Amino acid sequence: MTISTDKFLDRFAETVMVDRQTISPTTTLRSLEAWDSMALVSVVALLDELGAKPTPGALEKCQTIGDIMALVP
């Protein structure tokens, strides 16, 4: 499933419960107040919905939202 950057950011913001206007692909995950273990689990579910099958440990290596986007086929 191919998804546009804007659509991914919309879905990411909804999933992690952040204001869509405050994020971009270059936003670092650690800068997000809402980025915690529950957000990580929610993003795993989002990636699954989008058909992404990241290798073990791939998500934990992501530092930006763009890094997570790169996991989506």
PDB file of N, CA and C in Angstrom:
ATOM      1  N   MET A   1       0.845  -1.189   0.000  1.00  0.00           N
ATOM      2  CA  MET A   1       0.000   0.000   0.000  1.00  0.00           C
ATOM      3  C   MET A   1       0.881   1.239   0.000  1.00  0.00           C
ATOM      4  N   THR A   2       0.761   2.043  -1.019  1.00  0.00           N
ATOM      5  CA  THR A   2       1.497   3.293  -1.090  1.00  0.00           C
ATOM      6  C   THR A   2       0.648   4.376  -0.433  1.00  0.00           C
ATOM      7  N   ILE A   3       1.301   5.192   0.383  1.00  0.00           N
ATOM      8  CA  ILE A   3       0.585   6.257   1.088  1.00  0.00           C
ATOM      9  C   ILE A   3       1.373   7.553   0.928  1.00  0.00           C
ATOM     10  N   SER A   4       0.668   8.644   0.717  1.00  0.00           N
ATOM     11  CA  SER A   4       1.340   9.936   0.561  1.00  0.00           C
ATOM     12  C   SER A   4       1.902  10.395   1.906  1.00  0.00           C
ATOM     13  N   THR A   5       2.854  11.286   1.824  1.00  0.00           N
ATOM     14  CA  THR A   5       3.449  11.838   3.043  1.00  0.00           C
ATOM     15  C   THR A   5       2.386  12.506   3.906  1.00  0.00           C
ATOM     16  N   ASP A   6       1.533  13.322   3.294  1.00  0.00           N
ATOM     17  CA  ASP A   6       0.496  14.014   4.067  1.00  0.00           C
ATOM     18  C   ASP A   6      -0.446  13.033   4.747  1.00  0.00           C
ATOM     19  N   LYS A   7      -0.856  12.001   4.022  1.00  0.00           N
ATOM     20  CA  LYS A   7      -1.774  11.012   4.590  1.00  0.00           C
ATOM     21  C   LYS A   7      -1.091  10.258   5.735  1.00  0.00           C
ATOM     22  N   PHE A   8       0.190   9.898   5.546  1.00  0.00           N
ATOM     23  CA  PHE A   8       0.913   9.208   6.618  1.00  0.00           C
ATOM     24  C   PHE A   8       0.994  10.100   7.853  1.00  0.00           C
ATOM     25  N   LEU A   9       1.333  11.370   7.650  1.00  0.00           N
ATOM     26  CA  LEU A   9       1.440  12.278   8.793  1.00  0.00           C
ATOM     27  C   LEU A   9       0.094  12.455   9.489  1.00  0.00           C
ATOM     28  N   ASP A  10      -0.987  12.501   8.710  1.00  0.00           N
ATOM     29  CA  ASP A  10      -2.328  12.565   9.300  1.00  0.00           C
ATOM     30  C   ASP A  10      -2.571  11.346  10.188  1.00  0.00           C
ATOM     31  N   ARG A  11      -2.282  10.175   9.639  1.00  0.00           N
ATOM     32  CA  ARG A  11      -2.515   8.936  10.388  1.00  0.00           C
ATOM     33  C   ARG A  11      -1.598   8.839  11.605  1.00  0.00           C
ATOM     34  N   PHE A  12      -0.335   9.233  11.441  1.00  0.00           N
ATOM     35  CA  PHE A  12       0.615   9.201  12.555  1.00  0.00           C
ATOM     36  C   PHE A  12       0.133  10.118  13.675  1.00  0.00           C
ATOM     37  N   ALA A  13      -0.261  11.345  13.323  1.00  0.00           N
ATOM     38  CA  ALA A  13      -0.729  12.304  14.325  1.00  0.00           C
ATOM     39  C   ALA A  13      -1.939  11.768  15.077  1.00  0.00           C
ATOM     40  N   GLU A  14      -2.861  11.166  14.349  1.00  0.00           N
ATOM     41  CA  GLU A  14      -4.045  10.588  14.977  1.00  0.00           C
ATOM     42  C   GLU A  14      -3.663   9.434  15.900  1.00  0.00           C
ATOM     43  N   THR A  15      -2.745   8.603  15.446  1.00  0.00           N
ATOM     44  CA  THR A  15      -2.327   7.425  16.213  1.00  0.00           C
ATOM     45  C   THR A  15      -1.601   7.808  17.498  1.00  0.00           C
ATOM     46  N   VAL A  16      -0.705   8.778  17.391  1.00  0.00           N
ATOM     47  CA  VAL A  16       0.130   9.168  18.532  1.00  0.00           C
ATOM     48  C   VAL A  16      -0.505  10.299  19.348  1.00  0.00           C
ATOM     49  N   MET A  17      -1.611  10.844  18.820  1.00  0.00           N
ATOM     50  CA  MET A  17      -2.342  11.913  19.481  1.00  0.00           C
ATOM     51  C   MET A  17      -1.503  13.172  19.648  1.00  0.00           C
ATOM     52  N   VAL A  18      -0.994  13.648  18.505  1.00  0.00           N
ATOM     53  CA  VAL A  18      -0.285  14.922  18.462  1.00  0.00           C
ATOM     54  C   VAL A  18      -0.969  15.804  17.422  1.00  0.00           C
ATOM     55  N   ASP A  19      -0.733  17.089  17.503  1.00  0.00           N
ATOM     56  CA  ASP A  19      -1.304  18.043  16.551  1.00  0.00           C
ATOM     57  C   ASP A  19      -0.600  17.873  15.209  1.00  0.00           C
ATOM     58  N   ARG A  20      -1.366  17.577  14.176  1.00  0.00           N
ATOM     59  CA  ARG A  20      -0.809  17.324  12.843  1.00  0.00           C
ATOM     60  C   ARG A  20       0.031  18.499  12.366  1.00  0.00           C
ATOM     61  N   GLN A  21      -0.351  19.697  12.720  1.00  0.00           N
ATOM     62  CA  GLN A  21       0.365  20.886  12.259  1.00  0.00           C
ATOM     63  C   GLN A  21       1.750  21.035  12.883  1.00  0.00           C
ATOM     64  N   THR A  22       2.042  20.256  13.904  1.00  0.00           N
ATOM     65  CA  THR A  22       3.328  20.394  14.600  1.00  0.00           C
ATOM     66  C   THR A  22       4.348  19.355  14.170  1.00  0.00           C
ATOM     67  N   ILE A  23       3.993  18.470  13.228  1.00  0.00           N
ATOM     68  CA  ILE A  23       4.921  17.404  12.843  1.00  0.00           C
ATOM     69  C   ILE A  23       5.236  17.438  11.349  1.00  0.00           C
ATOM     70  N   SER A  24       6.387  16.874  11.028  1.00  0.00           N
ATOM     71  CA  SER A  24       6.832  16.725   9.645  1.00  0.00           C
ATOM     72  C   SER A  24       7.720  15.481   9.599  1.00  0.00           C
ATOM     73  N   PRO A  25       8.141  15.063   8.421  1.00  0.00           N
ATOM     74  CA  PRO A  25       9.020  13.898   8.365  1.00  0.00           C
ATOM     75  C   PRO A  25      10.332  14.073   9.136  1.00  0.00           C
ATOM     76  N   THR A  26      10.763  15.313   9.332  1.00  0.00           N
ATOM     77  CA  THR A  26      12.025  15.536  10.045  1.00  0.00           C
ATOM     78  C   THR A  26      11.860  15.656  11.561  1.00  0.00           C
ATOM     79  N   THR A  27      10.633  15.594  12.044  1.00  0.00           N
ATOM     80  CA  THR A  27      10.384  15.676  13.488  1.00  0.00           C
ATOM     81  C   THR A  27      11.017  14.475  14.180  1.00  0.00           C
ATOM     82  N   THR A  28      11.802  14.751  15.207  1.00  0.00           N
ATOM     83  CA  THR A  28      12.406  13.648  15.955  1.00  0.00           C
ATOM     84  C   THR A  28      11.369  13.073  16.917  1.00  0.00           C
ATOM     85  N   LEU A  29      11.399  11.772  17.034  1.00  0.00           N
ATOM     86  CA  LEU A  29      10.427  11.095  17.896  1.00  0.00           C
ATOM     87  C   LEU A  29      10.591  11.511  19.344  1.00  0.00           C
ATOM     88  N   ARG A  30      11.813  11.647  19.793  1.00  0.00           N
ATOM     89  CA  ARG A  30      12.022  12.005  21.209  1.00  0.00           C
ATOM     90  C   ARG A  30      11.559  13.421  21.538  1.00  0.00           C
ATOM     91  N   SER A  31      11.334  14.247  20.500  1.00  0.00           N
ATOM     92  CA  SER A  31      10.834  15.603  20.745  1.00  0.00           C
ATOM     93  C   SER A  31       9.327  15.624  20.980  1.00  0.00           C
ATOM     94  N   LEU A  32       8.670  14.504  20.713  1.00  0.00           N
ATOM     95  CA  LEU A  32       7.216  14.425  20.886  1.00  0.00           C
ATOM     96  C   LEU A  32       6.889  14.053  22.320  1.00  0.00           C
ATOM     97  N   GLU A  33       6.153  14.910  22.981  1.00  0.00           N
ATOM     98  CA  GLU A  33       5.766  14.644  24.367  1.00  0.00           C
ATOM     99  C   GLU A  33       4.990  13.332  24.479  1.00  0.00           C
ATOM    100  N   ALA A  34       4.216  13.017  23.449  1.00  0.00           N
ATOM    101  CA  ALA A  34       3.373  11.821  23.463  1.00  0.00           C
ATOM    102  C   ALA A  34       4.128  10.541  23.097  1.00  0.00           C
ATOM    103  N   TRP A  35       5.418  10.644  22.747  1.00  0.00           N
ATOM    104  CA  TRP A  35       6.157   9.456  22.315  1.00  0.00           C
ATOM    105  C   TRP A  35       6.571   8.644  23.542  1.00  0.00           C
ATOM    106  N   ASP A  36       5.887   7.524  23.723  1.00  0.00           N
ATOM    107  CA  ASP A  36       6.168   6.626  24.839  1.00  0.00           C
ATOM    108  C   ASP A  36       5.915   5.199  24.372  1.00  0.00           C
ATOM    109  N   SER A  37       5.930   4.252  25.289  1.00  0.00           N
ATOM    110  CA  SER A  37       5.757   2.846  24.900  1.00  0.00           C
ATOM    111  C   SER A  37       4.384   2.582  24.290  1.00  0.00           C
ATOM    112  N   MET A  38       3.368   3.278  24.751  1.00  0.00           N
ATOM    113  CA  MET A  38       2.032   3.084  24.172  1.00  0.00           C
ATOM    114  C   MET A  38       1.983   3.635  22.744  1.00  0.00           C
ATOM    115  N   ALA A  39       2.642   4.757  22.511  1.00  0.00           N
ATOM    116  CA  ALA A  39       2.701   5.320  21.159  1.00  0.00           C
ATOM    117  C   ALA A  39       3.434   4.359  20.235  1.00  0.00           C
ATOM    118  N   LEU A  40       4.497   3.759  20.727  1.00  0.00           N
ATOM    119  CA  LEU A  40       5.261   2.792  19.936  1.00  0.00           C
ATOM    120  C   LEU A  40       4.380   1.614  19.529  1.00  0.00           C
ATOM    121  N   VAL A  41       3.621   1.081  20.468  1.00  0.00           N
ATOM    122  CA  VAL A  41       2.715  -0.031  20.176  1.00  0.00           C
ATOM    123  C   VAL A  41       1.660   0.397  19.154  1.00  0.00           C
ATOM    124  N   SER A  42       1.151   1.593  19.299  1.00  0.00           N
ATOM    125  CA  SER A  42       0.155   2.109  18.358  1.00  0.00           C
ATOM    126  C   SER A  42       0.739   2.264  16.958  1.00  0.00           C
ATOM    127  N   VAL A  43       1.986   2.703  16.864  1.00  0.00           N
ATOM    128  CA  VAL A  43       2.640   2.850  15.565  1.00  0.00           C
ATOM    129  C   VAL A  43       2.894   1.487  14.935  1.00  0.00           C
ATOM    130  N   VAL A  44       3.220   0.484  15.741  1.00  0.00           N
ATOM    131  CA  VAL A  44       3.369  -0.876  15.220  1.00  0.00           C
ATOM    132  C   VAL A  44       2.056  -1.317  14.569  1.00  0.00           C
ATOM    133  N   ALA A  45       0.934  -1.047  15.226  1.00  0.00           N
ATOM    134  CA  ALA A  45      -0.376  -1.402  14.673  1.00  0.00           C
ATOM    135  C   ALA A  45      -0.645  -0.621  13.391  1.00  0.00           C
ATOM    136  N   LEU A  46      -0.277   0.662  13.357  1.00  0.00           N
ATOM    137  CA  LEU A  46      -0.451   1.470  12.152  1.00  0.00           C
ATOM    138  C   LEU A  46       0.381   0.895  11.007  1.00  0.00           C
ATOM    139  N   LEU A  47       1.617   0.558  11.276  1.00  0.00           N
ATOM    140  CA  LEU A  47       2.467  -0.026  10.236  1.00  0.00           C
ATOM    141  C   LEU A  47       1.878  -1.322   9.701  1.00  0.00           C
ATOM    142  N   ASP A  48       1.331  -2.120  10.586  1.00  0.00           N
ATOM    143  CA  ASP A  48       0.695  -3.363  10.170  1.00  0.00           C
ATOM    144  C   ASP A  48      -0.488  -3.073   9.240  1.00  0.00           C
ATOM    145  N   GLU A  49      -1.301  -2.096   9.608  1.00  0.00           N
ATOM    146  CA  GLU A  49      -2.440  -1.682   8.774  1.00  0.00           C
ATOM    147  C   GLU A  49      -1.997  -1.259   7.380  1.00  0.00           C
ATOM    148  N   LEU A  50      -0.839  -0.619   7.317  1.00  0.00           N
ATOM    149  CA  LEU A  50      -0.330  -0.101   6.054  1.00  0.00           C
ATOM    150  C   LEU A  50       0.476  -1.137   5.267  1.00  0.00           C
ATOM    151  N   GLY A  51       0.546  -2.350   5.805  1.00  0.00           N
ATOM    152  CA  GLY A  51       1.227  -3.430   5.095  1.00  0.00           C
ATOM    153  C   GLY A  51       2.726  -3.471   5.289  1.00  0.00           C
ATOM    154  N   ALA A  52       3.240  -2.726   6.235  1.00  0.00           N
ATOM    155  CA  ALA A  52       4.681  -2.720   6.496  1.00  0.00           C
ATOM    156  C   ALA A  52       5.054  -3.938   7.329  1.00  0.00           C
ATOM    157  N   LYS A  53       6.152  -4.534   6.970  1.00  0.00           N
ATOM    158  CA  LYS A  53       6.672  -5.680   7.711  1.00  0.00           C
ATOM    159  C   LYS A  53       8.121  -5.382   8.090  1.00  0.00           C
ATOM    160  N   PRO A  54       8.322  -4.449   9.033  1.00  0.00           N
ATOM    161  CA  PRO A  54       9.700  -4.096   9.388  1.00  0.00           C
ATOM    162  C   PRO A  54      10.436  -5.262  10.031  1.00  0.00           C
ATOM    163  N   THR A  55      11.724  -5.302   9.807  1.00  0.00           N
ATOM    164  CA  THR A  55      12.551  -6.332  10.422  1.00  0.00           C
ATOM    165  C   THR A  55      12.596  -6.101  11.931  1.00  0.00           C
ATOM    166  N   PRO A  56      12.856  -7.134  12.695  1.00  0.00           N
ATOM    167  CA  PRO A  56      12.935  -6.959  14.150  1.00  0.00           C
ATOM    168  C   PRO A  56      13.956  -5.873  14.509  1.00  0.00           C
ATOM    169  N   GLY A  57      13.541  -4.977  15.348  1.00  0.00           N
ATOM    170  CA  GLY A  57      14.406  -3.901  15.804  1.00  0.00           C
ATOM    171  C   GLY A  57      14.423  -2.679  14.899  1.00  0.00           C
ATOM    172  N   ALA A  58      13.819  -2.764  13.712  1.00  0.00           N
ATOM    173  CA  ALA A  58      13.856  -1.634  12.773  1.00  0.00           C
ATOM    174  C   ALA A  58      13.164  -0.400  13.341  1.00  0.00           C
ATOM    175  N   LEU A  59      12.020  -0.586  13.964  1.00  0.00           N
ATOM    176  CA  LEU A  59      11.287   0.563  14.499  1.00  0.00           C
ATOM    177  C   LEU A  59      12.052   1.226  15.642  1.00  0.00           C
ATOM    178  N   GLU A  60      12.693   0.427  16.456  1.00  0.00           N
ATOM    179  CA  GLU A  60      13.442   0.980  17.582  1.00  0.00           C
ATOM    180  C   GLU A  60      14.626   1.826  17.121  1.00  0.00           C
ATOM    181  N   LYS A  61      15.112   1.600  15.896  1.00  0.00           N
ATOM    182  CA  LYS A  61      16.232   2.366  15.360  1.00  0.00           C
ATOM    183  C   LYS A  61      15.779   3.699  14.754  1.00  0.00           C
ATOM    184  N   CYS A  62      14.488   3.861  14.547  1.00  0.00           N
ATOM    185  CA  CYS A  62      13.963   5.085  13.942  1.00  0.00           C
ATOM    186  C   CYS A  62      14.132   6.261  14.893  1.00  0.00           C
ATOM    187  N   GLN A  63      14.613   7.369  14.332  1.00  0.00           N
ATOM    188  CA  GLN A  63      14.791   8.577  15.137  1.00  0.00           C
ATOM    189  C   GLN A  63      13.835   9.691  14.735  1.00  0.00           C
ATOM    190  N   THR A  64      13.324   9.617  13.504  1.00  0.00           N
ATOM    191  CA  THR A  64      12.398  10.653  13.020  1.00  0.00           C
ATOM    192  C   THR A  64      11.126  10.005  12.476  1.00  0.00           C
ATOM    193  N   ILE A  65      10.113  10.813  12.265  1.00  0.00           N
ATOM    194  CA  ILE A  65       8.896  10.304  11.664  1.00  0.00           C
ATOM    195  C   ILE A  65       9.192   9.812  10.255  1.00  0.00           C
ATOM    196  N   GLY A  66      10.089  10.494   9.546  1.00  0.00           N
ATOM    197  CA  GLY A  66      10.484  10.071   8.212  1.00  0.00           C
ATOM    198  C   GLY A  66      11.109   8.690   8.211  1.00  0.00           C
ATOM    199  N   ASP A  67      11.856   8.364   9.256  1.00  0.00           N
ATOM    200  CA  ASP A  67      12.443   7.020   9.370  1.00  0.00           C
ATOM    201  C   ASP A  67      11.327   5.974   9.448  1.00  0.00           C
ATOM    202  N   ILE A  68      10.271   6.289  10.180  1.00  0.00           N
ATOM    203  CA  ILE A  68       9.137   5.356  10.275  1.00  0.00           C
ATOM    204  C   ILE A  68       8.433   5.256   8.920  1.00  0.00           C
ATOM    205  N   MET A  69       8.266   6.400   8.248  1.00  0.00           N
ATOM    206  CA  MET A  69       7.629   6.396   6.925  1.00  0.00           C
ATOM    207  C   MET A  69       8.383   5.500   5.959  1.00  0.00           C
ATOM    208  N   ALA A  70       9.695   5.467   6.074  1.00  0.00           N
ATOM    209  CA  ALA A  70      10.517   4.668   5.166  1.00  0.00           C
ATOM    210  C   ALA A  70      10.270   3.170   5.328  1.00  0.00           C
ATOM    211  N   LEU A  71       9.647   2.776   6.432  1.00  0.00           N
ATOM    212  CA  LEU A  71       9.351   1.357   6.657  1.00  0.00           C
ATOM    213  C   LEU A  71       8.109   0.901   5.888  1.00  0.00           C
ATOM    214  N   VAL A  72       7.323   1.858   5.398  1.00  0.00           N
ATOM    215  CA  VAL A  72       6.085   1.547   4.689  1.00  0.00           C
ATOM    216  C   VAL A  72       6.401   1.314   3.211  1.00  0.00           C
ATOM    217  N   PRO A  73       5.951   0.173   2.678  1.00  0.00           N
ATOM    218  CA  PRO A  73       6.246  -0.127   1.260  1.00  0.00           C
ATOM    219  C   PRO A  73       5.554   0.833   0.296  1.00  0.00           C
TER     220      PRO A  73
END
